[in-house]
Amino acid sequence: TLSFTLAPFVSGLARLRVQVSDNGGLEYGGSNNITNTIDVLVLPVNVPPSASIPPRVWLVEDAGLIYRDLFATRLSKGIPEEYWQTLNFTVVGAPGERADDLARLFATEACDLEPQCSSSPRLECVSALWQTEGNATAVPSVAALHVAPAQQACGGAPPRVDADGALTLLPARNQHGYASLEILLRDDGAVAFGGQDTALGSPYPLSVSVLPQPRILSVSPRLGPLMGNSTLTIRGEFFGSTYARGYPAARYPLASVAIGGVECVRHEFISDTKVLCVAAPAVGSGAVTITIDDAGPSAGHLWLSPPLRAGALRASEAYSHLLLVFGGSVKPVSPADSMNGVLAVGPSPLAPGTAEAPAASLRRAKVLLPRAISALAVHRGLVYAGGSFVAAYVEPRTAAEEAAIAGGTGLARNRVLRYDGDAVEPLGAGANGDVFALVEIRGLLAVGGAFTEVYQRSGPAVKSGGLALWDEERGVWSAVPGLGEEGLTGIVITLAALGPLLFVGARFDRFSVATARFAGVAVYDAASREWAPLGAGVTGGDTNALLPVCKSGEPPSRHSGCGDAGYDLYVGGGFSAAGGAAGHS
């Protein structure tokens, strides 16, 4: 029996010489041995290829064309003698997974959408977004600034791996999500005589995570003072969650939250759909942007694109720093026309000036008012207006907004409203008479006019007389205490506040026990909740304006007013006497 052991991974032709011997001797021409030649042909059998492939990759939405050299490493065609073979990688969807995920994430259809900031020309789009409507600010160095989601999946190319292990892919525009793939590795050495052309670990599993760009959908309020320090609520999608970041966490970091290119004084992540920002001092209208630069836990993950993501809301739809608020009415063209009201805010974003020297320019708010505005105030960063209008609403921009207004949503009723730069809202259900004066006092809004009741959103009316308090935080009306069940009987014409003191210019009811001691002007102390006349008051006409100032010349404290320094009150109007002496109005 002939036996031998082949060397591993060796093939070819071997010639063996086999000699057989005995001990019979050589007499009579005999021979003790004989030699034979045997050819042994060892046929080649294909040795399977091998490679090392990462199990999971991350990239961001709209990352553009990605080429990753050495994606598959430790490539082997089998044995050195198989150097002539070619490796073939095939990328397919994993069995049991949704096939449409892979098709959507890398859809190859041609795009017919308008260019987004995530596509060419990218710089022009980013620059347009980051203008304060005429005044360009610093352009962020964000590779993929996303504006709004587009529904069409297009412009992509599915993943493929070449023979050298390089990965190429192009995610479809505006698409994000997860796809489970398999990568099959074969060579072209065939399977004759029991050979193997498929890698032993094939198919290799591959999870692809396309993380979404954040979307900013709204900012509230949309108006605030030039000095900043107002708190904005930014709402949208994909600010931070397991889906948006690719890993679970209680809180997620935000690289930047800015208004018009100016970083917020501070910001706070609340949820995947909500972020808070305290505005910095600025002027004009600015785009609101959120930037994320979060690579997450690095173990076992390979980033195919930079982890930088950003979302923006255009300047025209985002936030405006205000200095001026103007209200009144439009002069009618003919006697038959009504005096429609007008509301404007400034500086205008088209000519805002600078934070150090803001311009005295205005932009008309898109609020429809059938009657005039008589009173204005800025309270808690929002604009409040009062007048003779029965209903008011923002000019509808879509059919849905028109339908909402027709159904009573988005309307401000009964002579007083709140405007946040985007919408008007009622204060409860308003008042039953015209509003002439508004002023903030100790966190509340004092409202004065020719009304006797104010209405909550639901429930009974509040008997307030001509002066009421609106609590914006609680969303409720209340009467000013100290004047009995009927409140201030009379017509309030003007209001002014100094710390806890509320100065009231009014036509007081001389026949009411509560107001008979007041002549044209009175003061209410919110700290002691007591009313007092101001000397003999003013007579012979109305009080139309009040201006209290501290004698020290220093600005008053919100809580203590002028303190021990005392104050002076300047009173203007159509009266003929003040303090019992003849006066000039």
Protein backbone atom coordinates (compact mmCIF):
# COMPACT_ATOMS: atom_id res chain seq x y z
CA THR A 1 0.00 0.00 0.00
CA LEU A 2 1.37 3.35 -1.05
CA SER A 3 0.53 6.22 1.26
CA PHE A 4 1.67 9.83 1.47
CA THR A 5 0.50 13.17 2.93
CA LEU A 6 0.01 16.22 0.73
CA ALA A 7 1.38 19.59 1.83
CA PRO A 8 -1.46 21.98 2.58
CA PHE A 9 -2.56 24.46 -0.09
CA VAL A 10 -0.15 23.04 -2.68
CA SER A 11 -1.12 21.70 -6.09
CA GLY A 12 0.72 20.49 -9.20
CA LEU A 13 2.48 17.40 -10.72
CA ALA A 14 4.85 15.17 -8.71
CA ARG A 15 6.77 12.13 -10.19
CA LEU A 16 7.45 9.33 -7.72
CA ARG A 17 9.96 6.47 -8.18
CA VAL A 18 8.96 3.31 -6.34
CA GLN A 19 11.56 0.56 -5.92
CA VAL A 20 10.54 -2.91 -4.73
CA SER A 21 13.26 -5.35 -3.47
CA ASP A 22 13.44 -8.99 -2.28
CA ASN A 23 16.24 -11.36 -1.19
CA GLY A 24 15.88 -14.14 -3.78
CA GLY A 25 19.32 -13.67 -5.17
CA LEU A 26 20.67 -13.07 -8.66
CA GLU A 27 21.26 -16.66 -9.90
CA TYR A 28 20.23 -17.52 -13.40
CA GLY A 29 19.84 -13.82 -14.29
CA GLY A 30 17.47 -13.00 -11.46
CA SER A 31 16.94 -9.53 -9.84
CA ASN A 32 16.33 -8.51 -6.27
CA ASN A 33 14.50 -5.23 -7.11
CA ILE A 34 12.40 -3.39 -9.62
CA THR A 35 11.75 0.32 -10.02
CA ASN A 36 8.50 1.95 -11.25
CA THR A 37 7.69 5.62 -11.90
CA ILE A 38 4.34 7.03 -10.75
CA ASP A 39 3.07 10.50 -11.69
CA VAL A 40 0.89 12.12 -8.99
CA LEU A 41 -1.24 15.06 -10.18
CA VAL A 42 -2.64 17.19 -7.32
CA LEU A 43 -5.48 19.22 -8.77
CA PRO A 44 -5.99 22.79 -7.38
CA VAL A 45 -9.03 23.29 -5.12
CA ASN A 46 -10.22 26.84 -4.55
CA VAL A 47 -9.52 28.17 -1.05
CA PRO A 48 -12.26 30.58 0.13
CA PRO A 49 -11.51 34.30 0.40
CA SER A 50 -11.78 36.27 3.63
CA ALA A 51 -12.11 39.88 4.83
CA SER A 52 -12.85 41.98 7.90
CA ILE A 53 -15.90 44.26 7.60
CA PRO A 54 -17.25 46.62 10.32
CA PRO A 55 -20.71 45.58 11.53
CA ARG A 56 -22.20 49.09 11.72
CA VAL A 57 -21.68 52.46 10.05
CA TRP A 58 -23.11 55.91 10.73
CA LEU A 59 -23.60 58.89 8.46
CA VAL A 60 -25.79 61.98 8.47
CA GLU A 61 -28.68 62.81 6.19
CA ASP A 62 -27.66 64.61 2.99
CA ALA A 63 -24.00 63.78 3.57
CA GLY A 64 -23.35 63.67 -0.19
CA LEU A 65 -21.23 61.15 -2.08
CA ILE A 66 -19.18 59.00 0.29
CA TYR A 67 -16.03 57.11 -0.69
CA ARG A 68 -14.39 55.13 2.10
CA ASP A 69 -11.09 53.52 1.21
CA LEU A 70 -10.13 50.37 3.13
CA PHE A 71 -13.68 49.85 4.32
CA ALA A 72 -13.10 46.09 4.03
CA THR A 73 -9.68 45.21 5.45
CA ARG A 74 -7.47 42.13 5.82
CA LEU A 75 -8.45 41.01 2.33
CA SER A 76 -7.37 37.49 1.31
CA LYS A 77 -7.99 35.64 -1.94
CA GLY A 78 -7.20 32.33 -0.27
CA ILE A 79 -3.56 31.30 -0.85
CA PRO A 80 -0.71 33.09 -2.66
CA GLU A 81 -1.13 30.87 -5.69
CA GLU A 82 -4.63 32.33 -6.11
CA TYR A 83 -3.29 35.82 -6.68
CA TRP A 84 -4.90 35.86 -10.09
CA GLN A 85 -8.40 35.67 -8.66
CA THR A 86 -10.74 38.67 -8.30
CA LEU A 87 -12.78 39.40 -5.19
CA ASN A 88 -16.44 40.26 -5.67
CA PHE A 89 -18.51 42.02 -2.97
CA THR A 90 -22.31 42.07 -3.31
CA VAL A 91 -24.45 44.30 -1.04
CA VAL A 92 -28.06 43.19 -0.52
CA GLY A 93 -30.82 43.78 2.01
CA ALA A 94 -30.87 41.42 4.97
CA PRO A 95 -33.58 38.73 4.86
CA GLY A 96 -36.68 39.63 6.82
CA GLU A 97 -35.91 43.35 6.78
CA ARG A 98 -38.09 45.91 5.04
CA ALA A 99 -36.83 46.11 1.49
CA ASP A 100 -38.27 49.59 1.06
CA ASP A 101 -35.92 51.00 3.72
CA LEU A 102 -32.91 50.25 1.56
CA ALA A 103 -34.70 51.47 -1.56
CA ARG A 104 -35.77 54.71 0.12
CA LEU A 105 -32.45 55.55 1.78
CA PHE A 106 -30.56 55.14 -1.49
CA ALA A 107 -33.27 55.88 -4.07
CA THR A 108 -31.76 56.39 -7.51
CA GLU A 109 -34.61 58.33 -9.13
CA ALA A 110 -33.70 61.72 -10.55
CA CYS A 111 -34.70 64.65 -8.32
CA ASP A 112 -37.17 67.24 -9.50
CA LEU A 113 -37.18 69.16 -6.20
CA GLU A 114 -35.95 72.70 -5.71
CA PRO A 115 -32.32 72.72 -4.52
CA GLN A 116 -31.96 72.54 -0.75
CA CYS A 117 -29.11 73.73 1.40
CA SER A 118 -27.89 70.15 1.45
CA SER A 119 -27.32 70.18 -2.29
CA SER A 120 -25.56 72.40 -4.76
CA PRO A 121 -25.35 75.37 -4.76
CA ARG A 122 -24.97 74.94 -1.00
CA LEU A 123 -23.13 78.15 -0.09
CA GLU A 124 -25.66 80.40 -1.79
CA CYS A 125 -28.50 78.71 0.08
CA VAL A 126 -26.79 78.97 3.44
CA SER A 127 -25.93 82.62 2.86
CA ALA A 128 -29.54 83.42 2.00
CA LEU A 129 -30.77 81.75 5.16
CA TRP A 130 -28.28 83.51 7.35
CA GLN A 131 -29.18 87.02 6.33
CA THR A 132 -31.12 89.26 8.67
CA GLU A 133 -33.38 90.13 5.74
CA GLY A 134 -30.92 92.51 4.13
CA ASN A 135 -28.05 92.51 6.60
CA ALA A 136 -25.82 89.51 6.11
CA THR A 137 -24.38 87.90 9.21
CA ALA A 138 -21.62 85.35 9.58
CA VAL A 139 -22.21 82.25 7.46
CA PRO A 140 -21.86 79.08 9.55
CA SER A 141 -19.32 76.49 8.53
CA VAL A 142 -21.92 73.73 8.39
CA ALA A 143 -21.60 71.23 5.57
CA ALA A 144 -25.29 70.27 5.44
CA LEU A 145 -27.66 72.94 6.70
CA HIS A 146 -31.15 71.51 6.42
CA VAL A 147 -34.20 73.72 5.96
CA ALA A 148 -37.28 71.56 5.70
CA PRO A 149 -38.04 67.93 4.97
CA ALA A 150 -38.80 66.92 1.39
CA GLN A 151 -40.96 63.87 0.79
CA GLN A 152 -39.44 62.68 -2.47
CA ALA A 153 -36.61 60.16 -2.09
CA CYS A 154 -34.25 60.74 -4.99
CA GLY A 155 -30.71 61.36 -6.13
CA GLY A 156 -29.06 58.46 -4.30
CA ALA A 157 -26.86 55.49 -5.15
CA PRO A 158 -26.87 52.19 -3.21
CA PRO A 159 -23.76 51.01 -1.34
CA ARG A 160 -21.18 49.01 -3.23
CA VAL A 161 -17.75 47.65 -2.31
CA ASP A 162 -15.07 47.27 -4.98
CA ALA A 163 -12.46 44.54 -5.27
CA ASP A 164 -10.00 46.56 -3.20
CA GLY A 165 -12.45 46.91 -0.30
CA ALA A 166 -13.43 50.56 -0.89
CA LEU A 167 -17.05 51.52 -0.07
CA THR A 168 -19.02 53.98 -2.21
CA LEU A 169 -22.56 55.20 -1.49
CA LEU A 170 -24.77 58.26 -1.95
CA PRO A 171 -27.71 58.67 0.45
CA ALA A 172 -30.92 59.91 -1.16
CA ARG A 173 -31.83 63.53 -0.58
CA ASN A 174 -33.65 64.34 2.67
CA GLN A 175 -33.92 60.71 3.80
CA HIS A 176 -32.95 59.21 7.13
CA GLY A 177 -33.43 55.94 8.97
CA TYR A 178 -31.87 52.51 9.37
CA ALA A 179 -31.18 49.67 6.97
CA SER A 180 -29.89 46.16 7.70
CA LEU A 181 -27.68 44.89 4.89
CA GLU A 182 -25.59 41.84 4.06
CA ILE A 183 -22.31 41.82 2.19
CA LEU A 184 -21.51 38.63 0.30
CA LEU A 185 -17.84 37.97 -0.53
CA ARG A 186 -16.88 35.59 -3.37
CA ASP A 187 -13.92 35.02 -5.64
CA ASP A 188 -13.86 33.66 -9.18
CA GLY A 189 -11.91 30.47 -8.38
CA ALA A 190 -15.00 28.27 -8.77
CA VAL A 191 -15.94 25.22 -6.70
CA ALA A 192 -14.53 22.32 -8.78
CA PHE A 193 -13.30 19.27 -6.87
CA GLY A 194 -14.85 20.53 -3.65
CA GLY A 195 -13.38 24.03 -3.72
CA GLN A 196 -15.07 27.01 -2.05
CA ASP A 197 -15.52 30.45 -3.62
CA THR A 198 -17.52 32.05 -0.77
CA ALA A 199 -15.93 33.49 2.36
CA LEU A 200 -16.58 31.44 5.48
CA GLY A 201 -18.05 34.45 7.33
CA SER A 202 -20.17 35.55 4.39
CA PRO A 203 -22.65 37.12 4.29
CA TYR A 204 -21.29 39.77 6.63
CA PRO A 205 -24.03 41.74 8.47
CA LEU A 206 -23.92 45.54 8.10
CA SER A 207 -26.22 48.04 9.81
CA VAL A 208 -26.41 51.47 8.17
CA SER A 209 -27.71 54.39 10.27
CA VAL A 210 -28.54 57.59 8.38
CA LEU A 211 -29.10 60.07 11.21
CA PRO A 212 -31.50 62.95 10.51
CA GLN A 213 -30.66 66.62 10.30
CA PRO A 214 -32.58 68.63 12.93
CA ARG A 215 -35.67 70.50 11.73
CA ILE A 216 -36.78 73.81 13.26
CA LEU A 217 -40.49 74.28 12.72
CA SER A 218 -41.37 77.26 14.93
CA VAL A 219 -40.04 79.80 17.41
CA SER A 220 -42.16 81.34 20.14
CA PRO A 221 -42.29 84.19 20.84
CA ARG A 222 -41.02 85.61 17.58
CA LEU A 223 -40.51 89.06 19.07
CA GLY A 224 -38.24 90.29 21.83
CA PRO A 225 -36.36 93.36 23.08
CA LEU A 226 -33.05 94.61 21.69
CA MET A 227 -31.31 93.99 25.00
CA GLY A 228 -32.09 90.28 24.73
CA ASN A 229 -32.50 88.10 27.82
CA SER A 230 -35.88 86.84 26.62
CA THR A 231 -36.51 83.10 26.56
CA LEU A 232 -37.47 81.48 23.26
CA THR A 233 -39.07 78.10 22.82
CA ILE A 234 -37.76 76.42 19.69
CA ARG A 235 -39.85 73.52 18.45
CA GLY A 236 -39.05 71.02 15.75
CA GLU A 237 -37.77 67.48 15.25
CA PHE A 238 -34.65 65.40 15.80
CA PHE A 239 -32.93 67.56 18.42
CA GLY A 240 -31.96 64.50 20.45
CA SER A 241 -33.32 60.96 20.80
CA THR A 242 -32.20 57.40 20.24
CA TYR A 243 -33.40 57.69 16.66
CA ALA A 244 -31.86 61.13 16.04
CA ARG A 245 -28.49 60.43 17.69
CA GLY A 246 -28.18 56.66 17.35
CA TYR A 247 -27.78 55.97 21.07
CA PRO A 248 -29.97 56.29 24.18
CA ALA A 249 -29.35 59.04 26.73
CA ALA A 250 -31.29 61.15 29.22
CA ARG A 251 -29.96 64.38 27.68
CA TYR A 252 -28.11 65.17 24.48
CA PRO A 253 -25.51 67.89 23.82
CA LEU A 254 -26.12 70.75 21.37
CA ALA A 255 -23.06 72.37 19.83
CA SER A 256 -24.76 75.69 19.14
CA VAL A 257 -28.09 77.50 19.30
CA ALA A 258 -27.98 80.92 17.63
CA ILE A 259 -30.17 83.76 16.36
CA GLY A 260 -28.89 85.56 13.29
CA GLY A 261 -25.45 84.11 13.84
CA VAL A 262 -25.29 85.33 17.45
CA GLU A 263 -25.01 82.53 20.00
CA CYS A 264 -27.74 82.37 22.64
CA VAL A 265 -26.66 83.50 26.09
CA ARG A 266 -27.57 80.01 27.19
CA HIS A 267 -29.59 77.15 25.80
CA GLU A 268 -31.22 74.05 27.24
CA PHE A 269 -32.13 70.76 25.62
CA ILE A 270 -35.63 69.76 26.75
CA SER A 271 -36.62 66.96 24.38
CA ASP A 272 -36.33 65.71 20.83
CA THR A 273 -38.84 68.39 19.82
CA LYS A 274 -38.09 71.29 22.17
CA VAL A 275 -35.10 73.51 22.97
CA LEU A 276 -34.98 76.70 25.05
CA CYS A 277 -32.78 79.68 24.18
CA VAL A 278 -32.12 82.93 26.06
CA ALA A 279 -31.55 85.55 23.36
CA ALA A 280 -28.46 87.73 23.29
CA PRO A 281 -28.65 91.48 22.56
CA ALA A 282 -29.07 92.14 18.84
CA VAL A 283 -31.12 94.08 16.29
CA GLY A 284 -33.26 93.08 13.33
CA SER A 285 -34.56 89.68 12.29
CA GLY A 286 -32.34 86.64 12.33
CA ALA A 287 -32.50 82.99 11.34
CA VAL A 288 -32.64 80.58 14.26
CA THR A 289 -30.20 77.69 13.95
CA ILE A 290 -29.38 74.59 15.96
CA THR A 291 -26.08 72.81 15.36
CA ILE A 292 -25.26 69.28 16.54
CA ASP A 293 -21.73 67.89 16.56
CA ASP A 294 -22.17 64.60 18.38
CA ALA A 295 -20.25 61.47 17.38
CA GLY A 296 -21.88 59.41 20.13
CA PRO A 297 -20.21 56.37 21.64
CA SER A 298 -17.37 55.35 19.32
CA ALA A 299 -17.04 51.65 20.24
CA GLY A 300 -18.03 49.41 17.34
CA HIS A 301 -19.18 52.27 15.12
CA LEU A 302 -17.61 53.77 12.02
CA TRP A 303 -18.57 57.27 10.88
CA LEU A 304 -18.66 57.61 7.11
CA SER A 305 -19.34 61.36 7.27
CA PRO A 306 -18.62 64.12 9.77
CA PRO A 307 -21.22 64.02 12.58
CA LEU A 308 -21.98 67.75 12.16
CA ARG A 309 -25.68 68.49 11.61
CA ALA A 310 -27.70 71.71 11.60
CA GLY A 311 -31.23 72.98 11.16
CA ALA A 312 -32.42 76.50 10.46
CA LEU A 313 -35.58 78.57 10.33
CA ARG A 314 -35.41 81.49 7.92
CA ALA A 315 -35.01 85.00 9.26
CA SER A 316 -38.40 86.03 7.88
CA GLU A 317 -40.05 83.22 9.88
CA ALA A 318 -37.86 83.21 12.98
CA TYR A 319 -37.08 85.92 15.54
CA SER A 320 -36.98 89.74 15.62
CA HIS A 321 -35.38 92.01 18.20
CA LEU A 322 -37.69 95.00 18.75
CA LEU A 323 -37.30 98.57 19.97
CA LEU A 324 -40.47 100.19 18.62
CA VAL A 325 -44.12 99.19 18.63
CA PHE A 326 -46.64 101.37 16.79
CA GLY A 327 -50.42 101.14 16.66
CA GLY A 328 -53.25 103.28 15.37
CA SER A 329 -55.62 103.40 12.44
CA VAL A 330 -55.52 103.92 8.70
CA LYS A 331 -57.09 107.13 7.45
CA PRO A 332 -60.23 106.19 5.50
CA VAL A 333 -60.35 107.13 1.84
CA SER A 334 -64.02 108.06 2.02
CA PRO A 335 -66.53 108.64 4.82
CA ALA A 336 -68.08 105.26 4.01
CA ASP A 337 -64.82 103.43 4.80
CA SER A 338 -64.05 102.14 8.28
CA MET A 339 -60.90 103.17 10.14
CA ASN A 340 -59.01 99.93 9.97
CA GLY A 341 -56.42 99.43 12.63
CA VAL A 342 -52.69 99.13 11.98
CA LEU A 343 -49.92 97.47 14.02
CA ALA A 344 -46.22 97.89 13.23
CA VAL A 345 -42.98 96.86 14.90
CA GLY A 346 -39.42 98.05 14.51
CA PRO A 347 -36.68 98.38 13.65
CA SER A 348 -37.60 97.04 10.25
CA PRO A 349 -35.42 94.07 9.29
CA LEU A 350 -34.82 95.81 5.96
CA ALA A 351 -33.15 98.75 7.73
CA PRO A 352 -32.47 97.78 11.35
CA GLY A 353 -29.30 99.75 12.01
CA THR A 354 -27.03 98.21 14.62
CA ALA A 355 -27.46 97.01 18.19
CA GLU A 356 -25.56 100.12 19.35
CA ALA A 357 -27.55 102.48 17.10
CA PRO A 358 -30.83 100.89 16.05
CA ALA A 359 -32.80 102.60 13.30
CA ALA A 360 -36.18 104.23 13.85
CA SER A 361 -37.78 102.13 11.11
CA LEU A 362 -40.99 100.12 11.15
CA ARG A 363 -42.46 97.07 9.45
CA ARG A 364 -46.19 96.57 9.38
CA ALA A 365 -47.36 93.42 11.09
CA LYS A 366 -49.62 91.23 9.00
CA VAL A 367 -52.52 91.59 11.42
CA LEU A 368 -55.98 92.42 10.10
CA LEU A 369 -57.83 94.83 12.37
CA PRO A 370 -61.28 96.16 11.42
CA ARG A 371 -61.01 99.00 13.98
CA ALA A 372 -58.32 101.20 15.48
CA ILE A 373 -55.69 100.34 18.09
CA SER A 374 -55.76 102.72 21.07
CA ALA A 375 -53.26 101.12 23.46
CA LEU A 376 -50.02 99.15 23.26
CA ALA A 377 -47.69 97.42 25.70
CA VAL A 378 -44.82 94.96 25.58
CA HIS A 379 -45.26 92.36 28.31
CA ARG A 380 -43.22 89.16 28.76
CA GLY A 381 -41.62 89.72 25.37
CA LEU A 382 -44.96 89.86 23.53
CA VAL A 383 -46.90 92.75 22.03
CA TYR A 384 -50.32 93.52 23.53
CA ALA A 385 -52.81 95.79 21.82
CA GLY A 386 -56.16 97.19 22.86
CA GLY A 387 -58.75 99.23 20.98
CA SER A 388 -62.22 99.20 19.53
CA PHE A 389 -61.82 96.15 17.28
CA VAL A 390 -64.21 93.28 17.86
CA ALA A 391 -62.04 90.66 16.10
CA ALA A 392 -58.48 90.50 14.76
CA TYR A 393 -56.36 87.85 13.08
CA VAL A 394 -53.12 87.38 11.15
CA GLU A 395 -53.45 87.46 7.38
CA PRO A 396 -53.91 83.80 6.35
CA ARG A 397 -51.09 82.34 4.27
CA THR A 398 -52.58 78.93 3.50
CA ALA A 399 -55.99 77.37 2.91
CA ALA A 400 -55.66 75.59 6.26
CA GLU A 401 -55.16 78.92 8.04
CA GLU A 402 -58.19 80.38 6.27
CA ALA A 403 -60.27 77.41 7.40
CA ALA A 404 -58.99 77.77 10.97
CA ILE A 405 -59.94 81.45 11.08
CA ALA A 406 -63.37 80.67 9.64
CA GLY A 407 -63.78 78.16 12.46
CA GLY A 408 -62.81 80.71 15.11
CA THR A 409 -59.22 79.53 15.70
CA GLY A 410 -56.47 82.17 15.60
CA LEU A 411 -58.88 85.03 16.30
CA ALA A 412 -58.49 87.66 18.97
CA ARG A 413 -61.88 88.89 20.15
CA ASN A 414 -63.35 91.78 22.06
CA ARG A 415 -60.89 94.65 21.93
CA VAL A 416 -57.64 93.22 23.30
CA LEU A 417 -55.04 90.84 21.84
CA ARG A 418 -51.58 89.36 22.21
CA TYR A 419 -49.24 89.22 19.20
CA ASP A 420 -46.13 87.03 19.19
CA GLY A 421 -44.86 87.90 15.73
CA ASP A 422 -46.62 84.95 14.15
CA ALA A 423 -50.17 84.81 15.48
CA VAL A 424 -52.69 86.79 17.48
CA GLU A 425 -54.33 85.32 20.55
CA PRO A 426 -57.17 86.57 22.73
CA LEU A 427 -56.82 87.51 26.39
CA GLY A 428 -59.45 85.20 27.77
CA ALA A 429 -62.51 86.29 25.82
CA GLY A 430 -61.73 90.02 25.96
CA ALA A 431 -63.75 92.94 27.38
CA ASN A 432 -67.23 94.32 26.81
CA GLY A 433 -66.03 97.82 25.91
CA ASP A 434 -63.17 99.68 24.25
CA VAL A 435 -59.64 99.43 25.67
CA PHE A 436 -57.67 102.69 25.98
CA ALA A 437 -54.66 101.85 28.16
CA LEU A 438 -52.23 98.98 28.83
CA VAL A 439 -49.26 98.86 31.20
CA GLU A 440 -47.20 96.17 32.92
CA ILE A 441 -47.08 96.14 36.71
CA ARG A 442 -45.32 93.53 38.83
CA GLY A 443 -45.62 90.73 36.30
CA LEU A 444 -49.27 91.46 35.41
CA LEU A 445 -50.83 93.49 32.61
CA ALA A 446 -53.13 96.30 33.71
CA VAL A 447 -55.89 96.99 31.17
CA GLY A 448 -58.04 100.12 31.27
CA GLY A 449 -60.90 101.41 29.17
CA ALA A 450 -64.62 101.96 28.75
CA PHE A 451 -65.71 98.50 29.84
CA THR A 452 -67.41 97.10 32.91
CA GLU A 453 -66.60 93.38 32.58
CA VAL A 454 -63.84 91.14 31.26
CA TYR A 455 -64.36 87.56 30.18
CA GLN A 456 -62.43 84.44 31.00
CA ARG A 457 -61.99 81.73 28.36
CA SER A 458 -64.80 79.94 30.14
CA GLY A 459 -66.90 80.57 33.19
CA PRO A 460 -68.57 83.71 34.54
CA ALA A 461 -67.53 87.26 33.66
CA VAL A 462 -65.33 89.29 36.01
CA LYS A 463 -66.95 92.55 37.19
CA SER A 464 -63.93 94.79 36.91
CA GLY A 465 -65.23 98.21 36.06
CA GLY A 466 -62.91 100.06 33.71
CA LEU A 467 -59.70 98.51 35.10
CA ALA A 468 -58.67 94.85 35.11
CA LEU A 469 -55.53 92.74 35.53
CA TRP A 470 -54.45 90.00 33.11
CA ASP A 471 -52.23 87.20 34.40
CA GLU A 472 -50.43 85.85 31.32
CA GLU A 473 -48.86 82.94 33.19
CA ARG A 474 -52.20 81.64 34.46
CA GLY A 475 -54.28 82.93 31.57
CA VAL A 476 -56.95 84.54 33.80
CA TRP A 477 -58.52 87.94 34.46
CA SER A 478 -59.01 89.57 37.85
CA ALA A 479 -60.38 92.86 39.13
CA VAL A 480 -58.09 95.35 40.88
CA PRO A 481 -58.89 95.00 44.58
CA GLY A 482 -59.90 97.79 46.94
CA LEU A 483 -62.83 99.33 45.07
CA GLY A 484 -65.72 97.05 45.91
CA GLU A 485 -67.63 94.46 43.96
CA GLU A 486 -68.14 96.62 40.88
CA GLY A 487 -64.45 97.46 40.52
CA LEU A 488 -63.40 100.86 39.17
CA THR A 489 -66.59 102.58 38.10
CA GLY A 490 -65.69 104.99 35.34
CA ILE A 491 -63.70 105.14 32.13
CA VAL A 492 -59.93 104.66 32.33
CA ILE A 493 -58.09 106.79 29.78
CA THR A 494 -54.42 106.33 30.64
CA LEU A 495 -52.21 104.22 32.90
CA ALA A 496 -48.61 104.37 34.13
CA ALA A 497 -46.60 102.19 36.52
CA LEU A 498 -43.65 102.84 38.82
CA GLY A 499 -42.58 99.80 40.82
CA PRO A 500 -45.64 98.69 42.81
CA LEU A 501 -47.54 101.92 42.06
CA LEU A 502 -50.21 102.03 39.35
CA PHE A 503 -51.24 105.58 38.32
CA VAL A 504 -54.70 105.82 36.78
CA GLY A 505 -56.06 108.69 34.73
CA ALA A 506 -59.82 108.30 34.35
CA ARG A 507 -63.26 109.79 34.31
CA PHE A 508 -64.18 108.49 37.73
CA ASP A 509 -67.83 108.00 38.68
CA ARG A 510 -68.50 110.87 41.10
CA PHE A 511 -71.61 109.10 42.40
CA SER A 512 -69.79 105.89 43.39
CA VAL A 513 -68.68 105.55 47.00
CA ALA A 514 -65.48 103.81 45.87
CA THR A 515 -64.34 106.48 43.38
CA ALA A 516 -66.02 109.71 44.51
CA ARG A 517 -62.80 110.86 46.23
CA PHE A 518 -60.79 110.70 43.00
CA ALA A 519 -60.62 113.67 40.63
CA GLY A 520 -59.16 112.76 37.26
CA VAL A 521 -56.21 110.79 38.66
CA ALA A 522 -55.54 108.24 41.41
CA VAL A 523 -52.86 105.79 42.48
CA TYR A 524 -53.05 102.13 43.48
CA ASP A 525 -50.30 100.51 45.58
CA ALA A 526 -50.05 96.85 44.55
CA ALA A 527 -47.87 96.08 47.58
CA SER A 528 -50.43 97.29 50.18
CA ARG A 529 -53.43 96.83 47.84
CA GLU A 530 -54.69 100.29 48.75
CA TRP A 531 -56.01 103.18 46.66
CA ALA A 532 -55.30 106.86 47.25
CA PRO A 533 -56.15 110.17 45.57
CA LEU A 534 -53.36 112.45 44.35
CA GLY A 535 -54.16 115.61 46.29
CA ALA A 536 -57.14 117.38 44.86
CA GLY A 537 -56.56 115.78 41.48
CA VAL A 538 -57.33 117.52 38.20
CA THR A 539 -60.64 119.04 37.13
CA GLY A 540 -62.19 120.65 34.11
CA GLY A 541 -61.16 117.96 31.64
CA ASP A 542 -59.63 114.53 31.07
CA THR A 543 -56.24 113.17 32.05
CA ASN A 544 -54.68 111.87 28.86
CA ALA A 545 -51.08 111.13 29.84
CA LEU A 546 -49.10 110.23 32.96
CA LEU A 547 -45.32 110.08 33.42
CA PRO A 548 -43.86 109.15 36.83
CA VAL A 549 -40.08 109.60 37.29
CA CYS A 550 -37.75 109.07 40.25
CA LYS A 551 -36.40 112.26 41.80
CA SER A 552 -32.98 110.66 41.99
CA GLY A 553 -32.84 110.40 38.21
CA GLU A 554 -32.14 106.67 38.49
CA PRO A 555 -34.37 104.11 36.78
CA PRO A 556 -37.01 102.67 39.13
CA SER A 557 -36.89 99.19 40.59
CA ARG A 558 -39.57 96.84 39.34
CA HIS A 559 -40.52 95.91 42.92
CA SER A 560 -39.71 98.96 45.07
CA GLY A 561 -40.03 101.78 42.55
CA CYS A 562 -37.99 104.82 43.56
CA GLY A 563 -37.49 103.72 47.16
CA ASP A 564 -36.80 106.53 49.63
CA ALA A 565 -35.88 108.97 46.86
CA GLY A 566 -39.52 109.63 46.00
CA TYR A 567 -41.00 110.46 42.64
CA ASP A 568 -42.53 113.22 40.55
CA LEU A 569 -45.64 112.64 38.44
CA TYR A 570 -46.15 114.59 35.24
CA VAL A 571 -49.81 114.82 34.19
CA GLY A 572 -51.11 115.97 30.81
CA GLY A 573 -54.60 116.34 29.42
CA GLY A 574 -57.50 118.70 28.74
CA PHE A 575 -58.06 119.80 32.35
CA SER A 576 -58.19 123.39 33.57
CA ALA A 577 -57.12 122.97 37.20
CA ALA A 578 -54.69 120.71 39.09
CA GLY A 579 -54.45 120.38 42.86
CA GLY A 580 -57.17 123.01 43.26
CA ALA A 581 -55.19 125.66 41.32
CA ALA A 582 -55.54 126.71 37.71
CA GLY A 583 -53.22 124.70 35.50
CA HIS A 584 -52.08 124.37 31.93
CA SER A 585 -53.04 121.08 30.34
